[in-house]
Amino acid sequence: MARIIDAPLTGSEGSCDPRAVHGTWGALDAAQRRGLAYTPEVAAETAPLYERVKHVIPAVEWPAYAPLISAINKMKRAKNAVILAHNYMTPEIFHCVGDFRGDSLQLAREAAETDAEVIVQAGVRFMAETSKTLAPEKTVLIPDLRAGCSLAASITGADVRLIKERYPGVPVVTYVNTNADVKAESDICCTSSNAAAVVEWAAREWKTDRVILLPDEYLAKNVATQTGIHIIRGTAAAKCTNALRPKTSRIASSASGRRGARAPGMPAGRDGGVGLCGFDGGVAGLRGREAPGEGRAADRVLDERQRCACGAGR
């Protein structure tokens, strides 16, 4: 798609504001460069899809996206392929070409169950690796091998081996947002939603009060608070860059003056910030906890992240 594949962020120190970014992104000419035109047929074919994204993509930009969307959807049918679109993808990918949408765990499950011969992972490297692990007989593609996750890049399989040597016999739980070499050295993986339950299970199975939880520092701190189990974070704890953004002062000021307001949080968020939230959970958990009349706030948050196009699989 124009925003992700053809236009890496440049300028304004990595700003997510498209108005501050120049060059290919601003041109939105990926369809034109591929000889794809916005014909009346394409307009009619993609009109229902535009209804899904018209609140975030201006009508004047749609002719730049529609030919690409049409071509991608036709190619999927011809190649017996599906696209797994992570929650943090931009709206034209998430809503218009994604066959399955969700967090990294949900997408991994879909990869294992789909009958398609080809899986295109609209996400980052560790997600594609997980899909291949669960569906080894399928062809798994990722549009850009450079698409990575700062958290996954913070630790290697060699790092895990060193930690295991330092703490022999202690179970190793790793966050799913890690690369395959790290998972291979671990005893079990977890998501942000089930981390506390997995750590408690590991402590029971190994009959210990200590568990190694890697690599996210905030997730480890929050799980330690929830479970009372001594969490070993290793020598070089990492942090999810998205989780660094919400601070306690911002959460408190956002909730003040809003009677009955509840701030949702993620278990990998700042430890102080999560303590102020009305509930915490992964993206799927935040969707599930939303009350009827709250206007799909989780969807609005995700749309904002999609517009920013800076997210990577969480």
C-alpha atoms as a PDB file:
ATOM      1  CA  MET A   1       0.000   0.000   0.000  1.00  0.00           C
ATOM      2  CA  ALA A   2       1.070   3.565  -0.603  1.00  0.00           C
ATOM      3  CA  ARG A   3       1.655   4.538   2.991  1.00  0.00           C
ATOM      4  CA  ILE A   4       3.433   1.444   4.229  1.00  0.00           C
ATOM      5  CA  ILE A   5       5.274  -0.293   1.387  1.00  0.00           C
ATOM      6  CA  ASP A   6       6.204   2.617  -0.834  1.00  0.00           C
ATOM      7  CA  ALA A   7       6.696   5.398   1.666  1.00  0.00           C
ATOM      8  CA  PRO A   8       8.861   4.901   4.754  1.00  0.00           C
ATOM      9  CA  LEU A   9       8.677   7.709   7.270  1.00  0.00           C
ATOM     10  CA  THR A  10      11.133  10.517   6.582  1.00  0.00           C
ATOM     11  CA  GLY A  11      11.609  14.034   7.785  1.00  0.00           C
ATOM     12  CA  SER A  12      10.524  15.811  10.956  1.00  0.00           C
ATOM     13  CA  GLU A  13      12.516  13.383  13.074  1.00  0.00           C
ATOM     14  CA  GLY A  14      10.218  10.478  12.285  1.00  0.00           C
ATOM     15  CA  SER A  15       7.017  12.441  12.808  1.00  0.00           C
ATOM     16  CA  CYS A  16       3.818  10.455  12.344  1.00  0.00           C
ATOM     17  CA  ASP A  17       1.971  13.494  11.031  1.00  0.00           C
ATOM     18  CA  PRO A  18       1.644  13.038   7.243  1.00  0.00           C
ATOM     19  CA  ARG A  19       1.544  16.816   6.871  1.00  0.00           C
ATOM     20  CA  ALA A  20       5.086  16.918   8.204  1.00  0.00           C
ATOM     21  CA  VAL A  21       6.354  14.214   5.842  1.00  0.00           C
ATOM     22  CA  HIS A  22       7.365  14.894   2.264  1.00  0.00           C
ATOM     23  CA  GLY A  23       8.444  12.923  -0.789  1.00  0.00           C
ATOM     24  CA  THR A  24       6.796   9.662  -1.835  1.00  0.00           C
ATOM     25  CA  TRP A  25       4.242   9.637   0.986  1.00  0.00           C
ATOM     26  CA  GLY A  26       2.958  13.053   0.028  1.00  0.00           C
ATOM     27  CA  ALA A  27       2.758  12.074  -3.630  1.00  0.00           C
ATOM     28  CA  LEU A  28       0.576   8.997  -3.059  1.00  0.00           C
ATOM     29  CA  ASP A  29       1.498   7.834  -6.550  1.00  0.00           C
ATOM     30  CA  ALA A  30       2.138   4.118  -5.964  1.00  0.00           C
ATOM     31  CA  ALA A  31      -0.874   3.102  -8.083  1.00  0.00           C
ATOM     32  CA  GLN A  32       0.083   5.421 -10.923  1.00  0.00           C
ATOM     33  CA  ARG A  33       3.662   4.136 -10.969  1.00  0.00           C
ATOM     34  CA  ARG A  34       2.291   0.616 -11.369  1.00  0.00           C
ATOM     35  CA  GLY A  35       0.027   1.580 -14.225  1.00  0.00           C
ATOM     36  CA  LEU A  36      -3.117   1.212 -12.128  1.00  0.00           C
ATOM     37  CA  ALA A  37      -5.839   3.727 -12.907  1.00  0.00           C
ATOM     38  CA  TYR A  38      -8.877   4.897 -10.974  1.00  0.00           C
ATOM     39  CA  THR A  39     -11.494   3.874 -13.515  1.00  0.00           C
ATOM     40  CA  PRO A  40     -15.272   3.954 -13.109  1.00  0.00           C
ATOM     41  CA  GLU A  41     -15.127   0.173 -12.652  1.00  0.00           C
ATOM     42  CA  VAL A  42     -12.592   0.457  -9.842  1.00  0.00           C
ATOM     43  CA  ALA A  43     -14.618   3.251  -8.259  1.00  0.00           C
ATOM     44  CA  ALA A  44     -17.766   1.109  -8.234  1.00  0.00           C
ATOM     45  CA  GLU A  45     -15.923  -1.984  -7.009  1.00  0.00           C
ATOM     46  CA  THR A  46     -14.249  -0.224  -4.083  1.00  0.00           C
ATOM     47  CA  ALA A  47     -17.105   2.098  -3.079  1.00  0.00           C
ATOM     48  CA  PRO A  48     -18.323  -0.256  -0.295  1.00  0.00           C
ATOM     49  CA  LEU A  49     -14.772  -0.443   1.075  1.00  0.00           C
ATOM     50  CA  TYR A  50     -14.462   3.327   1.188  1.00  0.00           C
ATOM     51  CA  GLU A  51     -17.454   3.427   3.513  1.00  0.00           C
ATOM     52  CA  ARG A  52     -15.264   1.648   6.081  1.00  0.00           C
ATOM     53  CA  VAL A  53     -12.487   4.239   6.000  1.00  0.00           C
ATOM     54  CA  LYS A  54     -14.115   7.504   4.957  1.00  0.00           C
ATOM     55  CA  HIS A  55     -13.785   8.860   8.498  1.00  0.00           C
ATOM     56  CA  VAL A  56      -9.968   8.694   8.251  1.00  0.00           C
ATOM     57  CA  ILE A  57      -9.140   8.887   4.516  1.00  0.00           C
ATOM     58  CA  PRO A  58     -10.308  12.055   2.711  1.00  0.00           C
ATOM     59  CA  ALA A  59     -12.326  11.549  -0.468  1.00  0.00           C
ATOM     60  CA  VAL A  60      -9.672  13.417  -2.438  1.00  0.00           C
ATOM     61  CA  GLU A  61      -7.093  10.740  -1.493  1.00  0.00           C
ATOM     62  CA  TRP A  62      -9.263   7.695  -2.206  1.00  0.00           C
ATOM     63  CA  PRO A  63      -8.480   7.567  -5.970  1.00  0.00           C
ATOM     64  CA  ALA A  64      -4.827   7.016  -5.007  1.00  0.00           C
ATOM     65  CA  TYR A  65      -5.686   3.999  -2.843  1.00  0.00           C
ATOM     66  CA  ALA A  66      -8.604   2.368  -4.657  1.00  0.00           C
ATOM     67  CA  PRO A  67      -6.627   0.973  -7.660  1.00  0.00           C
ATOM     68  CA  LEU A  68      -4.097  -0.657  -5.330  1.00  0.00           C
ATOM     69  CA  ILE A  69      -6.822  -2.118  -3.149  1.00  0.00           C
ATOM     70  CA  SER A  70      -8.639  -3.514  -6.176  1.00  0.00           C
ATOM     71  CA  ALA A  71      -5.459  -5.068  -7.594  1.00  0.00           C
ATOM     72  CA  ILE A  72      -4.441  -6.606  -4.261  1.00  0.00           C
ATOM     73  CA  ASN A  73      -7.849  -8.178  -3.663  1.00  0.00           C
ATOM     74  CA  LYS A  74      -7.874  -9.663  -7.181  1.00  0.00           C
ATOM     75  CA  MET A  75      -4.368 -11.049  -6.733  1.00  0.00           C
ATOM     76  CA  LYS A  76      -5.358 -12.679  -3.447  1.00  0.00           C
ATOM     77  CA  ARG A  77      -8.112 -14.620  -5.175  1.00  0.00           C
ATOM     78  CA  ALA A  78      -5.821 -15.652  -8.031  1.00  0.00           C
ATOM     79  CA  LYS A  79      -3.030 -16.840  -5.715  1.00  0.00           C
ATOM     80  CA  ASN A  80      -5.242 -18.412  -3.020  1.00  0.00           C
ATOM     81  CA  ALA A  81      -3.739 -16.012  -0.513  1.00  0.00           C
ATOM     82  CA  VAL A  82      -4.969 -14.275   2.617  1.00  0.00           C
ATOM     83  CA  ILE A  83      -3.725 -11.155   4.322  1.00  0.00           C
ATOM     84  CA  LEU A  84      -3.371 -11.127   8.104  1.00  0.00           C
ATOM     85  CA  ALA A  85      -3.736  -7.475   9.126  1.00  0.00           C
ATOM     86  CA  HIS A  86      -2.496  -6.501  12.549  1.00  0.00           C
ATOM     87  CA  ASN A  87      -4.456  -3.956  14.573  1.00  0.00           C
ATOM     88  CA  TYR A  88      -1.745  -1.348  14.036  1.00  0.00           C
ATOM     89  CA  MET A  89      -1.893  -1.342  10.251  1.00  0.00           C
ATOM     90  CA  THR A  90      -3.092   1.784   8.453  1.00  0.00           C
ATOM     91  CA  PRO A  91      -6.841   1.912   7.723  1.00  0.00           C
ATOM     92  CA  GLU A  92      -6.642   1.113   3.999  1.00  0.00           C
ATOM     93  CA  ILE A  93      -4.791  -2.119   4.814  1.00  0.00           C
ATOM     94  CA  PHE A  94      -6.722  -3.067   7.931  1.00  0.00           C
ATOM     95  CA  HIS A  95     -10.225  -2.415   6.602  1.00  0.00           C
ATOM     96  CA  CYS A  96      -9.868  -2.848   2.837  1.00  0.00           C
ATOM     97  CA  VAL A  97      -7.473  -5.737   2.093  1.00  0.00           C
ATOM     98  CA  GLY A  98      -7.105  -7.595   5.404  1.00  0.00           C
ATOM     99  CA  ASP A  99      -8.906 -10.945   5.449  1.00  0.00           C
ATOM    100  CA  PHE A 100      -8.232 -11.542   9.129  1.00  0.00           C
ATOM    101  CA  ARG A 101      -7.717  -8.711  11.601  1.00  0.00           C
ATOM    102  CA  GLY A 102      -6.614  -8.725  15.200  1.00  0.00           C
ATOM    103  CA  ASP A 103      -3.698  -8.801  17.602  1.00  0.00           C
ATOM    104  CA  SER A 104      -0.633 -10.967  17.067  1.00  0.00           C
ATOM    105  CA  LEU A 105      -2.090 -13.971  18.913  1.00  0.00           C
ATOM    106  CA  GLN A 106      -5.336 -13.915  16.955  1.00  0.00           C
ATOM    107  CA  LEU A 107      -3.472 -13.654  13.654  1.00  0.00           C
ATOM    108  CA  ALA A 108      -1.219 -16.584  14.582  1.00  0.00           C
ATOM    109  CA  ARG A 109      -4.312 -18.695  15.233  1.00  0.00           C
ATOM    110  CA  GLU A 110      -5.799 -17.701  11.896  1.00  0.00           C
ATOM    111  CA  ALA A 111      -2.541 -18.664  10.162  1.00  0.00           C
ATOM    112  CA  ALA A 112      -2.768 -22.147  11.635  1.00  0.00           C
ATOM    113  CA  GLU A 113      -6.395 -22.637  10.575  1.00  0.00           C
ATOM    114  CA  THR A 114      -6.660 -21.023   7.133  1.00  0.00           C
ATOM    115  CA  ASP A 115      -6.928 -23.175   4.016  1.00  0.00           C
ATOM    116  CA  ALA A 116      -5.092 -20.587   1.901  1.00  0.00           C
ATOM    117  CA  GLU A 117      -1.777 -21.623   0.372  1.00  0.00           C
ATOM    118  CA  VAL A 118      -0.157 -18.222   0.833  1.00  0.00           C
ATOM    119  CA  ILE A 119      -0.186 -16.024   3.943  1.00  0.00           C
ATOM    120  CA  VAL A 120       0.771 -12.371   3.657  1.00  0.00           C
ATOM    121  CA  GLN A 121       1.599 -10.961   7.077  1.00  0.00           C
ATOM    122  CA  ALA A 122       0.709  -7.283   7.267  1.00  0.00           C
ATOM    123  CA  GLY A 123       2.756  -6.739  10.365  1.00  0.00           C
ATOM    124  CA  VAL A 124       6.320  -7.195  11.535  1.00  0.00           C
ATOM    125  CA  ARG A 125       8.913  -9.941  11.322  1.00  0.00           C
ATOM    126  CA  PHE A 126       8.149 -11.804  14.543  1.00  0.00           C
ATOM    127  CA  MET A 127       4.502 -12.130  13.492  1.00  0.00           C
ATOM    128  CA  ALA A 128       5.488 -13.662  10.156  1.00  0.00           C
ATOM    129  CA  GLU A 129       7.859 -16.057  11.949  1.00  0.00           C
ATOM    130  CA  THR A 130       5.078 -17.097  14.316  1.00  0.00           C
ATOM    131  CA  SER A 131       2.713 -17.708  11.403  1.00  0.00           C
ATOM    132  CA  LYS A 132       5.345 -19.863   9.684  1.00  0.00           C
ATOM    133  CA  THR A 133       5.943 -21.812  12.890  1.00  0.00           C
ATOM    134  CA  LEU A 134       2.259 -22.609  13.222  1.00  0.00           C
ATOM    135  CA  ALA A 135       1.732 -23.225   9.495  1.00  0.00           C
ATOM    136  CA  PRO A 136       5.068 -24.642   8.240  1.00  0.00           C
ATOM    137  CA  GLU A 137       3.516 -26.066   5.066  1.00  0.00           C
ATOM    138  CA  LYS A 138       2.352 -22.650   3.845  1.00  0.00           C
ATOM    139  CA  THR A 139       4.205 -19.883   2.061  1.00  0.00           C
ATOM    140  CA  VAL A 140       4.435 -16.911   4.428  1.00  0.00           C
ATOM    141  CA  LEU A 141       5.303 -13.524   2.975  1.00  0.00           C
ATOM    142  CA  ILE A 142       5.982 -10.166   4.579  1.00  0.00           C
ATOM    143  CA  PRO A 143       5.891  -7.030   2.400  1.00  0.00           C
ATOM    144  CA  ASP A 144       9.032  -5.520   3.899  1.00  0.00           C
ATOM    145  CA  LEU A 145      11.753  -7.489   5.683  1.00  0.00           C
ATOM    146  CA  ARG A 146      12.783  -4.278   7.421  1.00  0.00           C
ATOM    147  CA  ALA A 147       9.478  -4.157   9.292  1.00  0.00           C
ATOM    148  CA  GLY A 148      10.536  -4.800  12.842  1.00  0.00           C
ATOM    149  CA  CYS A 149       9.594  -4.334  16.462  1.00  0.00           C
ATOM    150  CA  SER A 150      11.908  -2.451  18.812  1.00  0.00           C
ATOM    151  CA  LEU A 151      11.007  -4.818  21.630  1.00  0.00           C
ATOM    152  CA  ALA A 152      11.801  -7.930  19.584  1.00  0.00           C
ATOM    153  CA  ALA A 153      15.103  -6.370  18.503  1.00  0.00           C
ATOM    154  CA  SER A 154      16.128  -5.842  22.137  1.00  0.00           C
ATOM    155  CA  ILE A 155      16.908  -9.506  22.842  1.00  0.00           C
ATOM    156  CA  THR A 156      18.392 -12.545  21.071  1.00  0.00           C
ATOM    157  CA  GLY A 157      18.443 -16.269  21.645  1.00  0.00           C
ATOM    158  CA  ALA A 158      22.031 -15.931  22.903  1.00  0.00           C
ATOM    159  CA  ASP A 159      20.837 -13.463  25.552  1.00  0.00           C
ATOM    160  CA  VAL A 160      18.274 -15.976  26.795  1.00  0.00           C
ATOM    161  CA  ARG A 161      20.909 -18.708  27.035  1.00  0.00           C
ATOM    162  CA  LEU A 162      23.074 -16.450  29.186  1.00  0.00           C
ATOM    163  CA  ILE A 163      20.163 -15.668  31.511  1.00  0.00           C
ATOM    164  CA  LYS A 164      19.360 -19.384  31.827  1.00  0.00           C
ATOM    165  CA  GLU A 165      22.979 -20.084  32.772  1.00  0.00           C
ATOM    166  CA  ARG A 166      22.763 -17.442  35.480  1.00  0.00           C
ATOM    167  CA  TYR A 167      19.457 -18.781  36.835  1.00  0.00           C
ATOM    168  CA  PRO A 168      19.500 -22.554  36.238  1.00  0.00           C
ATOM    169  CA  GLY A 169      16.207 -24.346  36.749  1.00  0.00           C
ATOM    170  CA  VAL A 170      14.105 -21.160  36.676  1.00  0.00           C
ATOM    171  CA  PRO A 171      11.336 -21.261  34.042  1.00  0.00           C
ATOM    172  CA  VAL A 172      11.633 -18.801  31.163  1.00  0.00           C
ATOM    173  CA  VAL A 173       8.494 -17.063  29.922  1.00  0.00           C
ATOM    174  CA  THR A 174       8.853 -14.795  26.907  1.00  0.00           C
ATOM    175  CA  TYR A 175       6.462 -12.248  25.489  1.00  0.00           C
ATOM    176  CA  VAL A 176       5.108 -13.273  22.083  1.00  0.00           C
ATOM    177  CA  ASN A 177       6.623 -10.067  20.670  1.00  0.00           C
ATOM    178  CA  THR A 178      10.002 -11.763  20.204  1.00  0.00           C
ATOM    179  CA  ASN A 179      11.792 -13.371  17.294  1.00  0.00           C
ATOM    180  CA  ALA A 180      11.920 -17.108  16.667  1.00  0.00           C
ATOM    181  CA  ASP A 181      15.404 -17.649  18.123  1.00  0.00           C
ATOM    182  CA  VAL A 182      14.227 -16.224  21.449  1.00  0.00           C
ATOM    183  CA  LYS A 183      11.086 -18.352  21.507  1.00  0.00           C
ATOM    184  CA  ALA A 184      13.184 -21.453  20.774  1.00  0.00           C
ATOM    185  CA  GLU A 185      15.196 -20.888  23.962  1.00  0.00           C
ATOM    186  CA  SER A 186      12.110 -20.321  26.117  1.00  0.00           C
ATOM    187  CA  ASP A 187       9.922 -22.693  28.099  1.00  0.00           C
ATOM    188  CA  ILE A 188       6.656 -20.990  27.188  1.00  0.00           C
ATOM    189  CA  CYS A 189       5.401 -17.819  25.506  1.00  0.00           C
ATOM    190  CA  CYS A 190       2.722 -15.419  26.676  1.00  0.00           C
ATOM    191  CA  THR A 191       0.736 -12.456  25.434  1.00  0.00           C
ATOM    192  CA  SER A 192       0.088  -9.255  27.337  1.00  0.00           C
ATOM    193  CA  SER A 193      -3.419 -10.514  28.121  1.00  0.00           C
ATOM    194  CA  ASN A 194      -2.436 -13.856  29.652  1.00  0.00           C
ATOM    195  CA  ALA A 195       1.043 -13.049  31.026  1.00  0.00           C
ATOM    196  CA  ALA A 196      -0.015 -13.162  34.674  1.00  0.00           C
ATOM    197  CA  ALA A 197      -1.816 -16.488  34.259  1.00  0.00           C
ATOM    198  CA  VAL A 198       1.118 -18.015  32.351  1.00  0.00           C
ATOM    199  CA  VAL A 199       3.628 -16.876  34.983  1.00  0.00           C
ATOM    200  CA  GLU A 200       1.474 -18.350  37.767  1.00  0.00           C
ATOM    201  CA  TRP A 201       1.215 -21.611  35.817  1.00  0.00           C
ATOM    202  CA  ALA A 202       4.987 -21.754  35.324  1.00  0.00           C
ATOM    203  CA  ALA A 203       5.593 -21.153  39.034  1.00  0.00           C
ATOM    204  CA  ARG A 204       3.257 -24.036  39.924  1.00  0.00           C
ATOM    205  CA  GLU A 205       4.679 -26.416  37.325  1.00  0.00           C
ATOM    206  CA  TRP A 206       8.299 -25.748  38.298  1.00  0.00           C
ATOM    207  CA  LYS A 207       7.402 -25.500  42.021  1.00  0.00           C
ATOM    208  CA  THR A 208       9.233 -22.210  42.387  1.00  0.00           C
ATOM    209  CA  ASP A 209       8.548 -18.657  43.502  1.00  0.00           C
ATOM    210  CA  ARG A 210      10.811 -17.204  40.779  1.00  0.00           C
ATOM    211  CA  VAL A 211      10.048 -16.873  37.077  1.00  0.00           C
ATOM    212  CA  ILE A 212      12.075 -15.237  34.297  1.00  0.00           C
ATOM    213  CA  LEU A 213       9.846 -12.981  32.185  1.00  0.00           C
ATOM    214  CA  LEU A 214      11.408 -11.448  29.078  1.00  0.00           C
ATOM    215  CA  PRO A 215      11.978  -8.974  27.586  1.00  0.00           C
ATOM    216  CA  ASP A 216       9.485  -6.204  28.449  1.00  0.00           C
ATOM    217  CA  GLU A 217      10.351  -4.341  31.666  1.00  0.00           C
ATOM    218  CA  TYR A 218       6.906  -2.836  32.217  1.00  0.00           C
ATOM    219  CA  LEU A 219       5.107  -6.107  31.569  1.00  0.00           C
ATOM    220  CA  ALA A 220       7.417  -7.823  34.067  1.00  0.00           C
ATOM    221  CA  LYS A 221       6.803  -5.157  36.725  1.00  0.00           C
ATOM    222  CA  ASN A 222       3.040  -5.243  36.281  1.00  0.00           C
ATOM    223  CA  VAL A 223       2.898  -9.053  36.368  1.00  0.00           C
ATOM    224  CA  ALA A 224       5.005  -9.071  39.539  1.00  0.00           C
ATOM    225  CA  THR A 225       2.518  -6.677  41.144  1.00  0.00           C
ATOM    226  CA  GLN A 226      -0.467  -8.776  40.055  1.00  0.00           C
ATOM    227  CA  THR A 227       0.910 -12.185  41.063  1.00  0.00           C
ATOM    228  CA  GLY A 228       3.306 -11.585  43.951  1.00  0.00           C
ATOM    229  CA  ILE A 229       5.794 -13.881  42.209  1.00  0.00           C
ATOM    230  CA  HIS A 230       9.433 -12.780  42.081  1.00  0.00           C
ATOM    231  CA  ILE A 231      10.012 -11.847  38.450  1.00  0.00           C
ATOM    232  CA  ILE A 232      13.539 -11.947  37.036  1.00  0.00           C
ATOM    233  CA  ARG A 233      13.808  -9.521  34.145  1.00  0.00           C
ATOM    234  CA  GLY A 234      17.320 -10.332  33.016  1.00  0.00           C
ATOM    235  CA  THR A 235      20.239  -7.959  32.578  1.00  0.00           C
ATOM    236  CA  ALA A 236      18.941  -5.682  29.827  1.00  0.00           C
ATOM    237  CA  ALA A 237      15.232  -5.086  30.286  1.00  0.00           C
ATOM    238  CA  ALA A 238      13.466  -3.524  27.320  1.00  0.00           C
ATOM    239  CA  LYS A 239      10.355  -1.423  26.935  1.00  0.00           C
ATOM    240  CA  CYS A 240       7.644  -1.299  24.311  1.00  0.00           C
ATOM    241  CA  THR A 241       8.013   2.113  22.656  1.00  0.00           C
ATOM    242  CA  ASN A 242       4.237   2.544  22.365  1.00  0.00           C
ATOM    243  CA  ALA A 243       3.864   1.804  26.073  1.00  0.00           C
ATOM    244  CA  LEU A 244       6.266   4.632  26.918  1.00  0.00           C
ATOM    245  CA  ARG A 245       3.799   7.260  25.736  1.00  0.00           C
ATOM    246  CA  PRO A 246       0.972   7.300  28.315  1.00  0.00           C
ATOM    247  CA  LYS A 247       2.151   8.854  31.590  1.00  0.00           C
ATOM    248  CA  THR A 248       0.339   8.882  34.924  1.00  0.00           C
ATOM    249  CA  SER A 249      -0.191  12.651  34.748  1.00  0.00           C
ATOM    250  CA  ARG A 250      -1.857  12.363  31.336  1.00  0.00           C
ATOM    251  CA  ILE A 251      -4.096   9.497  32.422  1.00  0.00           C
ATOM    252  CA  ALA A 252      -5.160  11.352  35.550  1.00  0.00           C
ATOM    253  CA  SER A 253      -5.877  14.596  33.697  1.00  0.00           C
ATOM    254  CA  SER A 254      -7.827  12.754  30.981  1.00  0.00           C
ATOM    255  CA  ALA A 255     -10.080  11.043  33.521  1.00  0.00           C
ATOM    256  CA  SER A 256     -10.605  14.095  35.735  1.00  0.00           C
ATOM    257  CA  GLY A 257     -13.854  15.909  35.148  1.00  0.00           C
ATOM    258  CA  ARG A 258     -15.346  12.930  33.321  1.00  0.00           C
ATOM    259  CA  ARG A 259     -17.811  11.345  35.658  1.00  0.00           C
ATOM    260  CA  GLY A 260     -17.654   7.576  35.568  1.00  0.00           C
ATOM    261  CA  ALA A 261     -14.795   7.587  33.057  1.00  0.00           C
ATOM    262  CA  ARG A 262     -12.558   4.524  32.964  1.00  0.00           C
ATOM    263  CA  ALA A 263      -9.178   4.628  31.296  1.00  0.00           C
ATOM    264  CA  PRO A 264      -8.230   1.377  29.549  1.00  0.00           C
ATOM    265  CA  GLY A 265      -4.611   0.288  29.789  1.00  0.00           C
ATOM    266  CA  MET A 266      -2.336  -2.453  28.482  1.00  0.00           C
ATOM    267  CA  PRO A 267      -0.299  -4.754  30.753  1.00  0.00           C
ATOM    268  CA  ALA A 268       2.883  -3.667  28.942  1.00  0.00           C
ATOM    269  CA  GLY A 269       2.220  -0.017  29.806  1.00  0.00           C
ATOM    270  CA  ARG A 270       4.062   2.075  32.361  1.00  0.00           C
ATOM    271  CA  ASP A 271       3.621   0.468  35.767  1.00  0.00           C
ATOM    272  CA  GLY A 272       2.330   3.667  37.389  1.00  0.00           C
ATOM    273  CA  GLY A 273      -0.009   4.330  34.495  1.00  0.00           C
ATOM    274  CA  VAL A 274      -1.573   0.874  34.546  1.00  0.00           C
ATOM    275  CA  GLY A 275      -2.349   1.351  38.233  1.00  0.00           C
ATOM    276  CA  LEU A 276      -4.586   4.299  37.393  1.00  0.00           C
ATOM    277  CA  CYS A 277      -6.530   2.498  34.679  1.00  0.00           C
ATOM    278  CA  GLY A 278     -10.016   1.152  35.232  1.00  0.00           C
ATOM    279  CA  PHE A 279      -9.004  -2.107  33.574  1.00  0.00           C
ATOM    280  CA  ASP A 280      -6.088  -3.440  31.571  1.00  0.00           C
ATOM    281  CA  GLY A 281      -5.691  -6.014  28.869  1.00  0.00           C
ATOM    282  CA  GLY A 282      -4.380  -6.616  25.369  1.00  0.00           C
ATOM    283  CA  VAL A 283      -6.093  -5.001  22.398  1.00  0.00           C
ATOM    284  CA  ALA A 284      -8.584  -7.861  22.190  1.00  0.00           C
ATOM    285  CA  GLY A 285      -9.260  -7.485  25.900  1.00  0.00           C
ATOM    286  CA  LEU A 286      -9.851  -3.758  25.603  1.00  0.00           C
ATOM    287  CA  ARG A 287     -12.404  -4.344  22.860  1.00  0.00           C
ATOM    288  CA  GLY A 288     -14.165  -7.003  24.926  1.00  0.00           C
ATOM    289  CA  ARG A 289     -14.408  -4.847  28.054  1.00  0.00           C
ATOM    290  CA  GLU A 290     -16.053  -1.913  26.314  1.00  0.00           C
ATOM    291  CA  ALA A 291     -19.597  -1.227  27.424  1.00  0.00           C
ATOM    292  CA  PRO A 292     -22.438  -0.766  24.928  1.00  0.00           C
ATOM    293  CA  GLY A 293     -22.913   3.065  24.640  1.00  0.00           C
ATOM    294  CA  GLU A 294     -19.250   3.962  24.981  1.00  0.00           C
ATOM    295  CA  GLY A 295     -18.932   4.660  21.268  1.00  0.00           C
ATOM    296  CA  ARG A 296     -16.300   2.037  20.477  1.00  0.00           C
ATOM    297  CA  ALA A 297     -13.517   4.032  22.074  1.00  0.00           C
ATOM    298  CA  ALA A 298     -11.075   1.187  21.467  1.00  0.00           C
ATOM    299  CA  ASP A 299     -11.795   1.441  17.743  1.00  0.00           C
ATOM    300  CA  ARG A 300     -11.171   5.177  17.828  1.00  0.00           C
ATOM    301  CA  VAL A 301      -7.846   4.637  19.592  1.00  0.00           C
ATOM    302  CA  LEU A 302      -6.850   2.035  16.998  1.00  0.00           C
ATOM    303  CA  ASP A 303      -7.851   4.313  14.135  1.00  0.00           C
ATOM    304  CA  GLU A 304      -5.604   6.995  15.595  1.00  0.00           C
ATOM    305  CA  ARG A 305      -2.709   4.533  15.753  1.00  0.00           C
ATOM    306  CA  GLN A 306      -3.453   3.397  12.223  1.00  0.00           C
ATOM    307  CA  ARG A 307      -3.380   6.967  10.980  1.00  0.00           C
ATOM    308  CA  CYS A 308      -0.046   7.399  12.721  1.00  0.00           C
ATOM    309  CA  ALA A 309       1.261   4.221  11.034  1.00  0.00           C
ATOM    310  CA  CYS A 310       3.985   3.900  13.663  1.00  0.00           C
ATOM    311  CA  GLY A 311       2.647   0.825  15.452  1.00  0.00           C
ATOM    312  CA  ALA A 312       4.153  -2.617  15.338  1.00  0.00           C
ATOM    313  CA  GLY A 313       2.614  -5.830  16.621  1.00  0.00           C
ATOM    314  CA  ARG A 314       1.612  -5.890  20.173  1.00  0.00           C
END
